[in-house]
Amino acid sequence: MTMATIALWVATAPPSQAPIPDEELVTPGTIGFLVTLAVVIAGVVLANLAARKVRKIRARDGAVESNVLPVRVDPRQSREEAESIMEQKQRNQKDES
């Protein structure tokens, strides 16, 4: 840098602060509050409806177990063995009912 650029850089005035805008123009106000409230209420209603639908579908299908996938007790166990064990458990549960 030359001395002229340094002098010019030092001589330039710092940027002036912008005036603070009016609060009425930058806050959401009553309309923003009402829109936010409506979105929250809609979200709660939709979540309840979805939960009710899931419960109804599970009840209609007679879902008793939450995990119907074959679970391997032994990591060396094959998938077929795990499925046969699950089938035996399901048969036993039906026999008990």
N, C-alpha and C. Protein backbone atom coordinates (compact mmCIF):
# COMPACT_ATOMS: atom_id res chain seq x y z
N MET A 1 0.83 -1.17 0.00
CA MET A 1 0.00 0.00 0.00
C MET A 1 0.88 1.24 0.00
N THR A 2 0.41 2.13 -0.72
CA THR A 2 1.17 3.38 -0.75
C THR A 2 0.67 4.30 0.34
N MET A 3 1.41 5.34 0.57
CA MET A 3 1.04 6.29 1.62
C MET A 3 -0.27 7.00 1.27
N ALA A 4 -0.51 7.19 -0.03
CA ALA A 4 -1.73 7.90 -0.44
C ALA A 4 -2.98 7.06 -0.13
N THR A 5 -2.91 5.74 -0.40
CA THR A 5 -4.07 4.89 -0.10
C THR A 5 -4.30 4.78 1.39
N ILE A 6 -3.21 4.71 2.16
CA ILE A 6 -3.36 4.65 3.61
C ILE A 6 -3.99 5.94 4.13
N ALA A 7 -3.54 7.07 3.63
CA ALA A 7 -4.10 8.35 4.05
C ALA A 7 -5.56 8.46 3.65
N LEU A 8 -5.90 7.98 2.46
CA LEU A 8 -7.28 8.03 2.00
C LEU A 8 -8.16 7.11 2.85
N TRP A 9 -7.62 5.95 3.19
CA TRP A 9 -8.37 4.98 3.99
C TRP A 9 -8.63 5.54 5.39
N VAL A 10 -7.63 6.19 5.97
CA VAL A 10 -7.78 6.77 7.30
C VAL A 10 -8.71 7.97 7.26
N ALA A 11 -8.69 8.72 6.18
CA ALA A 11 -9.47 9.95 6.09
C ALA A 11 -10.96 9.70 5.85
N THR A 12 -11.30 8.52 5.33
CA THR A 12 -12.72 8.27 5.04
C THR A 12 -13.49 8.16 6.35
N ALA A 13 -14.65 8.71 6.37
CA ALA A 13 -15.47 8.71 7.58
C ALA A 13 -16.10 7.34 7.77
N PRO A 14 -16.26 6.95 9.02
CA PRO A 14 -16.93 5.67 9.26
C PRO A 14 -18.39 5.78 8.80
N PRO A 15 -18.97 4.66 8.43
CA PRO A 15 -20.35 4.72 7.96
C PRO A 15 -21.27 5.21 9.08
N SER A 16 -22.19 6.06 8.71
CA SER A 16 -23.11 6.58 9.72
C SER A 16 -24.15 5.51 10.05
N GLN A 17 -24.61 5.55 11.28
CA GLN A 17 -25.61 4.57 11.68
C GLN A 17 -26.94 4.92 11.04
N ALA A 18 -27.63 3.89 10.62
CA ALA A 18 -28.94 4.10 10.02
C ALA A 18 -29.92 4.48 11.13
N PRO A 19 -30.90 5.26 10.81
CA PRO A 19 -31.88 5.62 11.84
C PRO A 19 -32.67 4.38 12.28
N ILE A 20 -33.03 4.36 13.54
CA ILE A 20 -33.79 3.23 14.08
C ILE A 20 -35.21 3.30 13.52
N PRO A 21 -35.67 2.20 12.88
CA PRO A 21 -37.01 2.24 12.30
C PRO A 21 -38.09 2.24 13.40
N ASP A 22 -39.25 2.66 13.02
CA ASP A 22 -40.37 2.72 13.94
C ASP A 22 -40.79 1.30 14.34
N GLU A 23 -41.13 1.10 15.61
CA GLU A 23 -41.52 -0.23 16.09
C GLU A 23 -42.75 -0.76 15.38
N GLU A 24 -43.64 0.10 15.01
CA GLU A 24 -44.86 -0.31 14.33
C GLU A 24 -44.56 -0.97 12.98
N LEU A 25 -43.43 -0.61 12.37
CA LEU A 25 -43.11 -1.12 11.05
C LEU A 25 -42.33 -2.43 11.09
N VAL A 26 -41.69 -2.75 12.19
CA VAL A 26 -40.81 -3.92 12.22
C VAL A 26 -41.33 -5.05 13.10
N THR A 27 -42.34 -4.84 13.90
CA THR A 27 -42.87 -5.91 14.74
C THR A 27 -44.05 -6.56 14.05
N PRO A 28 -44.30 -7.84 14.33
CA PRO A 28 -45.39 -8.52 13.65
C PRO A 28 -46.77 -7.99 14.06
N GLY A 29 -46.89 -7.53 15.26
CA GLY A 29 -48.16 -6.95 15.70
C GLY A 29 -49.24 -7.99 15.90
N THR A 30 -50.46 -7.52 15.94
CA THR A 30 -51.61 -8.38 16.22
C THR A 30 -51.84 -9.39 15.11
N ILE A 31 -51.69 -8.96 13.87
CA ILE A 31 -51.92 -9.87 12.74
C ILE A 31 -50.90 -11.01 12.76
N GLY A 32 -49.65 -10.69 13.02
CA GLY A 32 -48.63 -11.73 13.09
C GLY A 32 -48.89 -12.71 14.22
N PHE A 33 -49.35 -12.19 15.36
CA PHE A 33 -49.67 -13.07 16.49
C PHE A 33 -50.82 -14.00 16.13
N LEU A 34 -51.85 -13.47 15.50
CA LEU A 34 -53.01 -14.29 15.15
C LEU A 34 -52.65 -15.36 14.11
N VAL A 35 -51.81 -15.01 13.16
CA VAL A 35 -51.39 -15.99 12.15
C VAL A 35 -50.56 -17.09 12.80
N THR A 36 -49.65 -16.72 13.69
CA THR A 36 -48.84 -17.71 14.39
C THR A 36 -49.71 -18.61 15.25
N LEU A 37 -50.67 -18.04 15.95
CA LEU A 37 -51.59 -18.82 16.78
C LEU A 37 -52.38 -19.80 15.92
N ALA A 38 -52.84 -19.35 14.75
CA ALA A 38 -53.60 -20.23 13.85
C ALA A 38 -52.74 -21.39 13.36
N VAL A 39 -51.48 -21.13 13.06
CA VAL A 39 -50.58 -22.20 12.60
C VAL A 39 -50.35 -23.22 13.71
N VAL A 40 -50.16 -22.74 14.93
CA VAL A 40 -49.95 -23.66 16.07
C VAL A 40 -51.19 -24.50 16.31
N ILE A 41 -52.35 -23.87 16.31
CA ILE A 41 -53.60 -24.62 16.53
C ILE A 41 -53.81 -25.65 15.42
N ALA A 42 -53.55 -25.27 14.18
CA ALA A 42 -53.69 -26.21 13.06
C ALA A 42 -52.73 -27.38 13.21
N GLY A 43 -51.51 -27.11 13.66
CA GLY A 43 -50.54 -28.19 13.87
C GLY A 43 -50.98 -29.16 14.95
N VAL A 44 -51.51 -28.64 16.04
CA VAL A 44 -51.98 -29.51 17.13
C VAL A 44 -53.17 -30.35 16.67
N VAL A 45 -54.09 -29.73 15.96
CA VAL A 45 -55.26 -30.46 15.46
C VAL A 45 -54.83 -31.55 14.48
N LEU A 46 -53.93 -31.23 13.56
CA LEU A 46 -53.46 -32.24 12.60
C LEU A 46 -52.72 -33.38 13.28
N ALA A 47 -51.92 -33.08 14.30
CA ALA A 47 -51.21 -34.13 15.03
C ALA A 47 -52.19 -35.05 15.73
N ASN A 48 -53.23 -34.49 16.35
CA ASN A 48 -54.24 -35.32 17.01
C ASN A 48 -55.00 -36.18 16.02
N LEU A 49 -55.36 -35.61 14.88
CA LEU A 49 -56.06 -36.39 13.86
C LEU A 49 -55.19 -37.54 13.34
N ALA A 50 -53.91 -37.26 13.12
CA ALA A 50 -53.01 -38.31 12.64
C ALA A 50 -52.86 -39.42 13.67
N ALA A 51 -52.72 -39.05 14.94
CA ALA A 51 -52.59 -40.06 16.00
C ALA A 51 -53.85 -40.89 16.10
N ARG A 52 -55.00 -40.25 15.97
CA ARG A 52 -56.27 -40.98 16.03
C ARG A 52 -56.39 -41.97 14.87
N LYS A 53 -55.97 -41.54 13.67
CA LYS A 53 -56.02 -42.43 12.50
C LYS A 53 -55.12 -43.64 12.70
N VAL A 54 -53.92 -43.40 13.22
CA VAL A 54 -52.98 -44.51 13.43
C VAL A 54 -53.56 -45.49 14.45
N ARG A 55 -54.14 -44.98 15.53
CA ARG A 55 -54.75 -45.87 16.53
C ARG A 55 -55.89 -46.66 15.93
N LYS A 56 -56.71 -46.01 15.10
CA LYS A 56 -57.85 -46.69 14.49
C LYS A 56 -57.37 -47.79 13.54
N ILE A 57 -56.35 -47.50 12.75
CA ILE A 57 -55.83 -48.50 11.81
C ILE A 57 -55.23 -49.68 12.56
N ARG A 58 -54.48 -49.39 13.62
CA ARG A 58 -53.90 -50.49 14.40
C ARG A 58 -54.98 -51.33 15.06
N ALA A 59 -56.02 -50.71 15.56
CA ALA A 59 -57.10 -51.46 16.20
C ALA A 59 -57.86 -52.30 15.18
N ARG A 60 -58.07 -51.74 13.99
CA ARG A 60 -58.80 -52.47 12.95
C ARG A 60 -58.00 -53.69 12.48
N ASP A 61 -56.69 -53.54 12.36
CA ASP A 61 -55.85 -54.65 11.91
C ASP A 61 -55.58 -55.65 13.02
N GLY A 62 -55.95 -55.33 14.23
CA GLY A 62 -55.71 -56.22 15.34
C GLY A 62 -54.24 -56.30 15.71
N ALA A 63 -53.54 -55.22 15.51
CA ALA A 63 -52.11 -55.20 15.82
C ALA A 63 -51.92 -55.28 17.32
N VAL A 64 -51.24 -56.33 17.76
CA VAL A 64 -50.97 -56.50 19.18
C VAL A 64 -49.52 -56.18 19.47
N GLU A 65 -48.65 -56.63 18.60
CA GLU A 65 -47.22 -56.41 18.81
C GLU A 65 -46.78 -55.15 18.09
N SER A 66 -45.84 -54.47 18.69
CA SER A 66 -45.33 -53.28 18.03
C SER A 66 -44.17 -53.63 17.10
N ASN A 67 -43.51 -54.76 17.34
CA ASN A 67 -42.37 -55.16 16.52
C ASN A 67 -42.69 -56.51 15.89
N VAL A 68 -43.08 -56.50 14.63
CA VAL A 68 -43.43 -57.75 13.96
C VAL A 68 -42.29 -58.26 13.10
N LEU A 69 -41.18 -57.55 13.08
CA LEU A 69 -40.03 -58.00 12.30
C LEU A 69 -39.32 -59.12 13.05
N PRO A 70 -38.81 -60.10 12.32
CA PRO A 70 -38.07 -61.15 13.01
C PRO A 70 -36.80 -60.60 13.64
N VAL A 71 -36.63 -60.87 14.90
CA VAL A 71 -35.46 -60.38 15.63
C VAL A 71 -34.51 -61.54 15.84
N ARG A 72 -33.28 -61.33 15.48
CA ARG A 72 -32.28 -62.38 15.66
C ARG A 72 -31.76 -62.34 17.08
N VAL A 73 -31.93 -63.44 17.77
CA VAL A 73 -31.42 -63.53 19.14
C VAL A 73 -29.92 -63.72 19.10
N ASP A 74 -29.49 -64.55 18.20
CA ASP A 74 -28.07 -64.84 18.04
C ASP A 74 -27.60 -64.21 16.73
N PRO A 75 -26.54 -63.40 16.74
CA PRO A 75 -26.10 -62.77 15.49
C PRO A 75 -25.70 -63.77 14.42
N ARG A 76 -25.35 -64.98 14.82
CA ARG A 76 -24.96 -65.99 13.84
C ARG A 76 -26.18 -66.71 13.27
N GLN A 77 -27.35 -66.36 13.75
CA GLN A 77 -28.57 -67.01 13.33
C GLN A 77 -28.95 -66.53 11.92
N SER A 78 -29.47 -67.44 11.11
CA SER A 78 -29.87 -67.05 9.76
C SER A 78 -31.25 -66.39 9.80
N ARG A 79 -31.58 -65.72 8.73
CA ARG A 79 -32.88 -65.03 8.66
C ARG A 79 -34.02 -66.05 8.70
N GLU A 80 -33.84 -67.19 8.04
CA GLU A 80 -34.89 -68.21 8.03
C GLU A 80 -35.15 -68.75 9.43
N GLU A 81 -34.08 -68.95 10.19
CA GLU A 81 -34.26 -69.43 11.57
C GLU A 81 -35.02 -68.40 12.41
N ALA A 82 -34.68 -67.14 12.24
CA ALA A 82 -35.37 -66.09 12.99
C ALA A 82 -36.84 -66.03 12.60
N GLU A 83 -37.13 -66.17 11.30
CA GLU A 83 -38.52 -66.14 10.86
C GLU A 83 -39.29 -67.34 11.39
N SER A 84 -38.66 -68.51 11.42
CA SER A 84 -39.36 -69.69 11.94
C SER A 84 -39.63 -69.54 13.44
N ILE A 85 -38.71 -68.94 14.17
CA ILE A 85 -38.93 -68.71 15.60
C ILE A 85 -40.09 -67.74 15.79
N MET A 86 -40.15 -66.68 14.97
CA MET A 86 -41.25 -65.72 15.07
C MET A 86 -42.59 -66.39 14.74
N GLU A 87 -42.60 -67.27 13.73
CA GLU A 87 -43.83 -67.97 13.39
C GLU A 87 -44.29 -68.86 14.53
N GLN A 88 -43.35 -69.53 15.18
CA GLN A 88 -43.70 -70.37 16.32
C GLN A 88 -44.28 -69.54 17.46
N LYS A 89 -43.68 -68.37 17.71
CA LYS A 89 -44.20 -67.49 18.77
C LYS A 89 -45.61 -67.02 18.44
N GLN A 90 -45.84 -66.69 17.17
CA GLN A 90 -47.18 -66.23 16.79
C GLN A 90 -48.20 -67.35 16.92
N ARG A 91 -47.81 -68.58 16.54
CA ARG A 91 -48.72 -69.71 16.70
C ARG A 91 -49.04 -69.95 18.17
N ASN A 92 -48.01 -69.84 19.02
CA ASN A 92 -48.23 -70.03 20.46
C ASN A 92 -49.16 -68.97 21.02
N GLN A 93 -49.02 -67.73 20.56
CA GLN A 93 -49.89 -66.66 21.04
C GLN A 93 -51.33 -66.89 20.58
N LYS A 94 -51.51 -67.40 19.36
CA LYS A 94 -52.86 -67.67 18.87
C LYS A 94 -53.48 -68.83 19.65
N ASP A 95 -52.66 -69.82 19.99
CA ASP A 95 -53.16 -70.96 20.75
C ASP A 95 -53.58 -70.54 22.16
N GLU A 96 -52.86 -69.59 22.74
CA GLU A 96 -53.17 -69.13 24.09
C GLU A 96 -54.45 -68.30 24.11
N SER A 97 -54.78 -67.66 22.99
CA SER A 97 -55.96 -66.78 22.96
C SER A 97 -57.25 -67.54 22.91
